Amino acid sequence: MSTNPEILPLPTTVSADDLWLTSPDALLIVGAAGTIEATNPAAHALFSHPQGSMPGYAVEQLLPASARQRHVSLRT
């Protein structure tokens, strides 16, 4: 729990799912091997992919081709 007095706890009427689904920011959960495990609706909108289509992708598929190999080398 945060010790910052300016950060209030999450109200009991708001769940983590609510935040995941309504965040205006693209959120991705990526495993250690670089596979996308979960994405929120904003991520699908940002990357122009149909809802539910991105889990299972290598995260590098979202990068420009010129940056993909370097990204893999940074992860491993």
PDB file of N, CA and C in Angstrom:
ATOM      1  N   MET A   1       0.846  -1.178   0.000  1.00  0.00           N
ATOM      2  CA  MET A   1       0.000   0.000   0.000  1.00  0.00           C
ATOM      3  C   MET A   1       0.891   1.241   0.000  1.00  0.00           C
ATOM      4  N   SER A   2       0.473   2.234  -0.715  1.00  0.00           N
ATOM      5  CA  SER A   2       1.231   3.468  -0.816  1.00  0.00           C
ATOM      6  C   SER A   2       1.233   4.220   0.511  1.00  0.00           C
ATOM      7  N   THR A   3       2.349   4.850   0.803  1.00  0.00           N
ATOM      8  CA  THR A   3       2.424   5.692   1.996  1.00  0.00           C
ATOM      9  C   THR A   3       2.242   7.160   1.650  1.00  0.00           C
ATOM     10  N   ASN A   4       1.987   7.455   0.379  1.00  0.00           N
ATOM     11  CA  ASN A   4       1.765   8.822  -0.059  1.00  0.00           C
ATOM     12  C   ASN A   4       0.364   9.250   0.384  1.00  0.00           C
ATOM     13  N   PRO A   5       0.263  10.277   1.231  1.00  0.00           N
ATOM     14  CA  PRO A   5      -1.057  10.697   1.732  1.00  0.00           C
ATOM     15  C   PRO A   5      -1.968  11.278   0.649  1.00  0.00           C
ATOM     16  N   GLU A   6      -1.411  11.640  -0.513  1.00  0.00           N
ATOM     17  CA  GLU A   6      -2.227  12.183  -1.593  1.00  0.00           C
ATOM     18  C   GLU A   6      -2.884  11.089  -2.429  1.00  0.00           C
ATOM     19  N   ILE A   7      -2.461   9.842  -2.252  1.00  0.00           N
ATOM     20  CA  ILE A   7      -3.032   8.729  -3.009  1.00  0.00           C
ATOM     21  C   ILE A   7      -4.044   8.021  -2.127  1.00  0.00           C
ATOM     22  N   LEU A   8      -5.291   8.080  -2.542  1.00  0.00           N
ATOM     23  CA  LEU A   8      -6.354   7.460  -1.768  1.00  0.00           C
ATOM     24  C   LEU A   8      -6.556   6.022  -2.214  1.00  0.00           C
ATOM     25  N   PRO A   9      -7.046   5.171  -1.330  1.00  0.00           N
ATOM     26  CA  PRO A   9      -7.327   3.789  -1.743  1.00  0.00           C
ATOM     27  C   PRO A   9      -8.441   3.756  -2.776  1.00  0.00           C
ATOM     28  N   LEU A  10      -8.453   2.695  -3.549  1.00  0.00           N
ATOM     29  CA  LEU A  10      -9.488   2.492  -4.554  1.00  0.00           C
ATOM     30  C   LEU A  10     -10.841   2.371  -3.867  1.00  0.00           C
ATOM     31  N   PRO A  11     -11.835   3.121  -4.290  1.00  0.00           N
ATOM     32  CA  PRO A  11     -13.163   2.987  -3.672  1.00  0.00           C
ATOM     33  C   PRO A  11     -13.675   1.552  -3.829  1.00  0.00           C
ATOM     34  N   THR A  12     -14.409   1.092  -2.872  1.00  0.00           N
ATOM     35  CA  THR A  12     -14.904  -0.288  -2.909  1.00  0.00           C
ATOM     36  C   THR A  12     -15.885  -0.504  -4.055  1.00  0.00           C
ATOM     37  N   THR A  13     -16.432   0.554  -4.611  1.00  0.00           N
ATOM     38  CA  THR A  13     -17.374   0.415  -5.723  1.00  0.00           C
ATOM     39  C   THR A  13     -16.667   0.300  -7.076  1.00  0.00           C
ATOM     40  N   VAL A  14     -15.352   0.433  -7.092  1.00  0.00           N
ATOM     41  CA  VAL A  14     -14.577   0.356  -8.329  1.00  0.00           C
ATOM     42  C   VAL A  14     -13.671  -0.872  -8.251  1.00  0.00           C
ATOM     43  N   SER A  15     -13.733  -1.702  -9.278  1.00  0.00           N
ATOM     44  CA  SER A  15     -12.891  -2.897  -9.294  1.00  0.00           C
ATOM     45  C   SER A  15     -11.713  -2.700 -10.247  1.00  0.00           C
ATOM     46  N   ALA A  16     -10.739  -3.568 -10.142  1.00  0.00           N
ATOM     47  CA  ALA A  16      -9.610  -3.542 -11.071  1.00  0.00           C
ATOM     48  C   ALA A  16     -10.101  -3.772 -12.497  1.00  0.00           C
ATOM     49  N   ASP A  17     -11.123  -4.620 -12.658  1.00  0.00           N
ATOM     50  CA  ASP A  17     -11.703  -4.834 -13.988  1.00  0.00           C
ATOM     51  C   ASP A  17     -12.275  -3.541 -14.551  1.00  0.00           C
ATOM     52  N   ASP A  18     -12.926  -2.759 -13.694  1.00  0.00           N
ATOM     53  CA  ASP A  18     -13.462  -1.467 -14.143  1.00  0.00           C
ATOM     54  C   ASP A  18     -12.343  -0.584 -14.686  1.00  0.00           C
ATOM     55  N   LEU A  19     -11.238  -0.527 -13.969  1.00  0.00           N
ATOM     56  CA  LEU A  19     -10.107   0.298 -14.402  1.00  0.00           C
ATOM     57  C   LEU A  19      -9.513  -0.234 -15.695  1.00  0.00           C
ATOM     58  N   TRP A  20      -9.377  -1.544 -15.803  1.00  0.00           N
ATOM     59  CA  TRP A  20      -8.824  -2.187 -17.002  1.00  0.00           C
ATOM     60  C   TRP A  20      -9.677  -1.864 -18.230  1.00  0.00           C
ATOM     61  N   LEU A  21     -10.975  -2.004 -18.071  1.00  0.00           N
ATOM     62  CA  LEU A  21     -11.882  -1.841 -19.205  1.00  0.00           C
ATOM     63  C   LEU A  21     -12.108  -0.393 -19.604  1.00  0.00           C
ATOM     64  N   THR A  22     -11.998   0.528 -18.666  1.00  0.00           N
ATOM     65  CA  THR A  22     -12.332   1.922 -18.959  1.00  0.00           C
ATOM     66  C   THR A  22     -11.125   2.840 -19.071  1.00  0.00           C
ATOM     67  N   SER A  23      -9.925   2.326 -18.855  1.00  0.00           N
ATOM     68  CA  SER A  23      -8.734   3.171 -18.951  1.00  0.00           C
ATOM     69  C   SER A  23      -8.615   3.740 -20.365  1.00  0.00           C
ATOM     70  N   PRO A  24      -8.342   5.027 -20.472  1.00  0.00           N
ATOM     71  CA  PRO A  24      -8.130   5.597 -21.804  1.00  0.00           C
ATOM     72  C   PRO A  24      -6.749   5.247 -22.354  1.00  0.00           C
ATOM     73  N   ASP A  25      -5.895   4.682 -21.504  1.00  0.00           N
ATOM     74  CA  ASP A  25      -4.541   4.309 -21.906  1.00  0.00           C
ATOM     75  C   ASP A  25      -4.496   2.850 -22.341  1.00  0.00           C
ATOM     76  N   ALA A  26      -3.711   2.573 -23.356  1.00  0.00           N
ATOM     77  CA  ALA A  26      -3.518   1.195 -23.820  1.00  0.00           C
ATOM     78  C   ALA A  26      -2.710   0.436 -22.778  1.00  0.00           C
ATOM     79  N   LEU A  27      -3.238  -0.690 -22.326  1.00  0.00           N
ATOM     80  CA  LEU A  27      -2.569  -1.531 -21.338  1.00  0.00           C
ATOM     81  C   LEU A  27      -2.360  -2.916 -21.930  1.00  0.00           C
ATOM     82  N   LEU A  28      -1.145  -3.427 -21.792  1.00  0.00           N
ATOM     83  CA  LEU A  28      -0.820  -4.768 -22.258  1.00  0.00           C
ATOM     84  C   LEU A  28      -0.111  -5.500 -21.134  1.00  0.00           C
ATOM     85  N   ILE A  29      -0.433  -6.759 -20.964  1.00  0.00           N
ATOM     86  CA  ILE A  29       0.324  -7.629 -20.076  1.00  0.00           C
ATOM     87  C   ILE A  29       1.120  -8.541 -20.984  1.00  0.00           C
ATOM     88  N   VAL A  30       2.446  -8.485 -20.830  1.00  0.00           N
ATOM     89  CA  VAL A  30       3.346  -9.244 -21.694  1.00  0.00           C
ATOM     90  C   VAL A  30       4.179 -10.170 -20.815  1.00  0.00           C
ATOM     91  N   GLY A  31       4.206 -11.451 -21.162  1.00  0.00           N
ATOM     92  CA  GLY A  31       4.985 -12.431 -20.422  1.00  0.00           C
ATOM     93  C   GLY A  31       6.473 -12.271 -20.669  1.00  0.00           C
ATOM     94  N   ALA A  32       7.272 -12.971 -19.881  1.00  0.00           N
ATOM     95  CA  ALA A  32       8.730 -12.878 -19.970  1.00  0.00           C
ATOM     96  C   ALA A  32       9.261 -13.283 -21.343  1.00  0.00           C
ATOM     97  N   ALA A  33       8.548 -14.152 -22.029  1.00  0.00           N
ATOM     98  CA  ALA A  33       8.972 -14.589 -23.361  1.00  0.00           C
ATOM     99  C   ALA A  33       8.554 -13.614 -24.460  1.00  0.00           C
ATOM    100  N   GLY A  34       7.862 -12.529 -24.081  1.00  0.00           N
ATOM    101  CA  GLY A  34       7.464 -11.527 -25.056  1.00  0.00           C
ATOM    102  C   GLY A  34       6.112 -11.757 -25.692  1.00  0.00           C
ATOM    103  N   THR A  35       5.337 -12.699 -25.151  1.00  0.00           N
ATOM    104  CA  THR A  35       4.008 -12.975 -25.694  1.00  0.00           C
ATOM    105  C   THR A  35       2.969 -12.124 -24.983  1.00  0.00           C
ATOM    106  N   ILE A  36       2.117 -11.473 -25.749  1.00  0.00           N
ATOM    107  CA  ILE A  36       1.047 -10.675 -25.173  1.00  0.00           C
ATOM    108  C   ILE A  36       0.037 -11.624 -24.533  1.00  0.00           C
ATOM    109  N   GLU A  37      -0.230 -11.402 -23.267  1.00  0.00           N
ATOM    110  CA  GLU A  37      -1.161 -12.265 -22.534  1.00  0.00           C
ATOM    111  C   GLU A  37      -2.541 -11.638 -22.378  1.00  0.00           C
ATOM    112  N   ALA A  38      -2.600 -10.316 -22.293  1.00  0.00           N
ATOM    113  CA  ALA A  38      -3.884  -9.624 -22.148  1.00  0.00           C
ATOM    114  C   ALA A  38      -3.747  -8.197 -22.640  1.00  0.00           C
ATOM    115  N   THR A  39      -4.848  -7.658 -23.142  1.00  0.00           N
ATOM    116  CA  THR A  39      -4.894  -6.274 -23.610  1.00  0.00           C
ATOM    117  C   THR A  39      -6.242  -5.679 -23.252  1.00  0.00           C
ATOM    118  N   ASN A  40      -6.261  -4.385 -23.046  1.00  0.00           N
ATOM    119  CA  ASN A  40      -7.534  -3.730 -22.758  1.00  0.00           C
ATOM    120  C   ASN A  40      -8.102  -3.121 -24.043  1.00  0.00           C
ATOM    121  N   PRO A  41      -9.350  -2.665 -24.013  1.00  0.00           N
ATOM    122  CA  PRO A  41      -9.956  -2.106 -25.228  1.00  0.00           C
ATOM    123  C   PRO A  41      -9.160  -0.948 -25.839  1.00  0.00           C
ATOM    124  N   ALA A  42      -8.541  -0.121 -25.021  1.00  0.00           N
ATOM    125  CA  ALA A  42      -7.773   1.003 -25.559  1.00  0.00           C
ATOM    126  C   ALA A  42      -6.567   0.524 -26.373  1.00  0.00           C
ATOM    127  N   ALA A  43      -5.978  -0.609 -25.995  1.00  0.00           N
ATOM    128  CA  ALA A  43      -4.855  -1.154 -26.771  1.00  0.00           C
ATOM    129  C   ALA A  43      -5.324  -1.592 -28.145  1.00  0.00           C
ATOM    130  N   HIS A  44      -6.480  -2.230 -28.201  1.00  0.00           N
ATOM    131  CA  HIS A  44      -7.013  -2.655 -29.498  1.00  0.00           C
ATOM    132  C   HIS A  44      -7.306  -1.447 -30.379  1.00  0.00           C
ATOM    133  N   ALA A  45      -7.822  -0.394 -29.792  1.00  0.00           N
ATOM    134  CA  ALA A  45      -8.112   0.816 -30.562  1.00  0.00           C
ATOM    135  C   ALA A  45      -6.819   1.463 -31.058  1.00  0.00           C
ATOM    136  N   LEU A  46      -5.822   1.555 -30.193  1.00  0.00           N
ATOM    137  CA  LEU A  46      -4.557   2.195 -30.562  1.00  0.00           C
ATOM    138  C   LEU A  46      -3.865   1.458 -31.706  1.00  0.00           C
ATOM    139  N   PHE A  47      -3.852   0.133 -31.628  1.00  0.00           N
ATOM    140  CA  PHE A  47      -3.143  -0.661 -32.629  1.00  0.00           C
ATOM    141  C   PHE A  47      -4.046  -1.152 -33.763  1.00  0.00           C
ATOM    142  N   SER A  48      -5.300  -0.721 -33.763  1.00  0.00           N
ATOM    143  CA  SER A  48      -6.266  -1.070 -34.818  1.00  0.00           C
ATOM    144  C   SER A  48      -6.411  -2.577 -35.024  1.00  0.00           C
ATOM    145  N   HIS A  49      -6.544  -3.287 -33.904  1.00  0.00           N
ATOM    146  CA  HIS A  49      -6.766  -4.734 -33.951  1.00  0.00           C
ATOM    147  C   HIS A  49      -8.141  -5.036 -33.355  1.00  0.00           C
ATOM    148  N   PRO A  50      -8.840  -6.018 -33.890  1.00  0.00           N
ATOM    149  CA  PRO A  50     -10.139  -6.379 -33.315  1.00  0.00           C
ATOM    150  C   PRO A  50     -10.001  -6.831 -31.860  1.00  0.00           C
ATOM    151  N   GLN A  51     -11.025  -6.532 -31.084  1.00  0.00           N
ATOM    152  CA  GLN A  51     -11.039  -6.910 -29.668  1.00  0.00           C
ATOM    153  C   GLN A  51     -10.758  -8.397 -29.521  1.00  0.00           C
ATOM    154  N   GLY A  52      -9.842  -8.754 -28.628  1.00  0.00           N
ATOM    155  CA  GLY A  52      -9.529 -10.145 -28.345  1.00  0.00           C
ATOM    156  C   GLY A  52      -8.529 -10.784 -29.288  1.00  0.00           C
ATOM    157  N   SER A  53      -8.036 -10.050 -30.272  1.00  0.00           N
ATOM    158  CA  SER A  53      -7.151 -10.653 -31.277  1.00  0.00           C
ATOM    159  C   SER A  53      -5.674 -10.610 -30.916  1.00  0.00           C
ATOM    160  N   MET A  54      -5.270  -9.780 -29.964  1.00  0.00           N
ATOM    161  CA  MET A  54      -3.841  -9.587 -29.709  1.00  0.00           C
ATOM    162  C   MET A  54      -3.206 -10.601 -28.751  1.00  0.00           C
ATOM    163  N   PRO A  55      -3.905 -11.143 -27.778  1.00  0.00           N
ATOM    164  CA  PRO A  55      -3.258 -12.157 -26.940  1.00  0.00           C
ATOM    165  C   PRO A  55      -2.731 -13.304 -27.795  1.00  0.00           C
ATOM    166  N   GLY A  56      -1.493 -13.694 -27.502  1.00  0.00           N
ATOM    167  CA  GLY A  56      -0.813 -14.716 -28.280  1.00  0.00           C
ATOM    168  C   GLY A  56       0.202 -14.138 -29.252  1.00  0.00           C
ATOM    169  N   TYR A  57       0.076 -12.862 -29.594  1.00  0.00           N
ATOM    170  CA  TYR A  57       1.049 -12.209 -30.470  1.00  0.00           C
ATOM    171  C   TYR A  57       2.372 -12.035 -29.728  1.00  0.00           C
ATOM    172  N   ALA A  58       3.452 -12.016 -30.475  1.00  0.00           N
ATOM    173  CA  ALA A  58       4.721 -11.543 -29.932  1.00  0.00           C
ATOM    174  C   ALA A  58       4.622 -10.023 -29.867  1.00  0.00           C
ATOM    175  N   VAL A  59       5.039  -9.443 -28.763  1.00  0.00           N
ATOM    176  CA  VAL A  59       4.912  -7.992 -28.612  1.00  0.00           C
ATOM    177  C   VAL A  59       5.648  -7.259 -29.730  1.00  0.00           C
ATOM    178  N   GLU A  60       6.675  -7.881 -30.279  1.00  0.00           N
ATOM    179  CA  GLU A  60       7.424  -7.246 -31.359  1.00  0.00           C
ATOM    180  C   GLU A  60       6.582  -7.021 -32.607  1.00  0.00           C
ATOM    181  N   GLN A  61       5.493  -7.737 -32.768  1.00  0.00           N
ATOM    182  CA  GLN A  61       4.618  -7.524 -33.917  1.00  0.00           C
ATOM    183  C   GLN A  61       4.019  -6.120 -33.915  1.00  0.00           C
ATOM    184  N   LEU A  62       4.023  -5.469 -32.768  1.00  0.00           N
ATOM    185  CA  LEU A  62       3.463  -4.123 -32.671  1.00  0.00           C
ATOM    186  C   LEU A  62       4.496  -3.038 -32.952  1.00  0.00           C
ATOM    187  N   LEU A  63       5.747  -3.439 -33.101  1.00  0.00           N
ATOM    188  CA  LEU A  63       6.834  -2.483 -33.338  1.00  0.00           C
ATOM    189  C   LEU A  63       7.124  -2.357 -34.826  1.00  0.00           C
ATOM    190  N   PRO A  64       7.734  -1.255 -35.231  1.00  0.00           N
ATOM    191  CA  PRO A  64       8.183  -1.158 -36.624  1.00  0.00           C
ATOM    192  C   PRO A  64       9.178  -2.290 -36.907  1.00  0.00           C
ATOM    193  N   ALA A  65       9.156  -2.802 -38.110  1.00  0.00           N
ATOM    194  CA  ALA A  65      10.029  -3.928 -38.482  1.00  0.00           C
ATOM    195  C   ALA A  65      11.490  -3.650 -38.153  1.00  0.00           C
ATOM    196  N   SER A  66      11.917  -2.422 -38.320  1.00  0.00           N
ATOM    197  CA  SER A  66      13.323  -2.070 -38.078  1.00  0.00           C
ATOM    198  C   SER A  66      13.719  -2.162 -36.601  1.00  0.00           C
ATOM    199  N   ALA A  67      12.756  -2.193 -35.691  1.00  0.00           N
ATOM    200  CA  ALA A  67      13.062  -2.227 -34.258  1.00  0.00           C
ATOM    201  C   ALA A  67      12.849  -3.598 -33.621  1.00  0.00           C
ATOM    202  N   ARG A  68      12.280  -4.533 -34.350  1.00  0.00           N
ATOM    203  CA  ARG A  68      11.875  -5.816 -33.752  1.00  0.00           C
ATOM    204  C   ARG A  68      13.045  -6.639 -33.232  1.00  0.00           C
ATOM    205  N   GLN A  69      14.079  -6.841 -34.024  1.00  0.00           N
ATOM    206  CA  GLN A  69      15.190  -7.693 -33.596  1.00  0.00           C
ATOM    207  C   GLN A  69      15.906  -7.095 -32.390  1.00  0.00           C
ATOM    208  N   ARG A  70      16.094  -5.816 -32.399  1.00  0.00           N
ATOM    209  CA  ARG A  70      16.754  -5.160 -31.255  1.00  0.00           C
ATOM    210  C   ARG A  70      15.911  -5.335 -29.999  1.00  0.00           C
ATOM    211  N   HIS A  71      14.620  -5.223 -30.112  1.00  0.00           N
ATOM    212  CA  HIS A  71      13.742  -5.382 -28.951  1.00  0.00           C
ATOM    213  C   HIS A  71      13.860  -6.785 -28.382  1.00  0.00           C
ATOM    214  N   VAL A  72      13.898  -7.797 -29.245  1.00  0.00           N
ATOM    215  CA  VAL A  72      14.061  -9.176 -28.775  1.00  0.00           C
ATOM    216  C   VAL A  72      15.372  -9.321 -28.015  1.00  0.00           C
ATOM    217  N   SER A  73      16.437  -8.728 -28.510  1.00  0.00           N
ATOM    218  CA  SER A  73      17.745  -8.857 -27.858  1.00  0.00           C
ATOM    219  C   SER A  73      17.767  -8.149 -26.501  1.00  0.00           C
ATOM    220  N   LEU A  74      16.992  -7.120 -26.337  1.00  0.00           N
ATOM    221  CA  LEU A  74      16.913  -6.426 -25.040  1.00  0.00           C
ATOM    222  C   LEU A  74      16.128  -7.249 -24.019  1.00  0.00           C
ATOM    223  N   ARG A  75      15.181  -8.031 -24.494  1.00  0.00           N
ATOM    224  CA  ARG A  75      14.333  -8.827 -23.608  1.00  0.00           C
ATOM    225  C   ARG A  75      15.058 -10.075 -23.124  1.00  0.00           C
ATOM    226  N   THR A  76      15.935 -10.628 -23.944  1.00  0.00           N
ATOM    227  CA  THR A  76      16.589 -11.891 -23.589  1.00  0.00           C
ATOM    228  C   THR A  76      17.974 -11.695 -23.033  1.00  0.00           C
TER     229      THR A  76
END
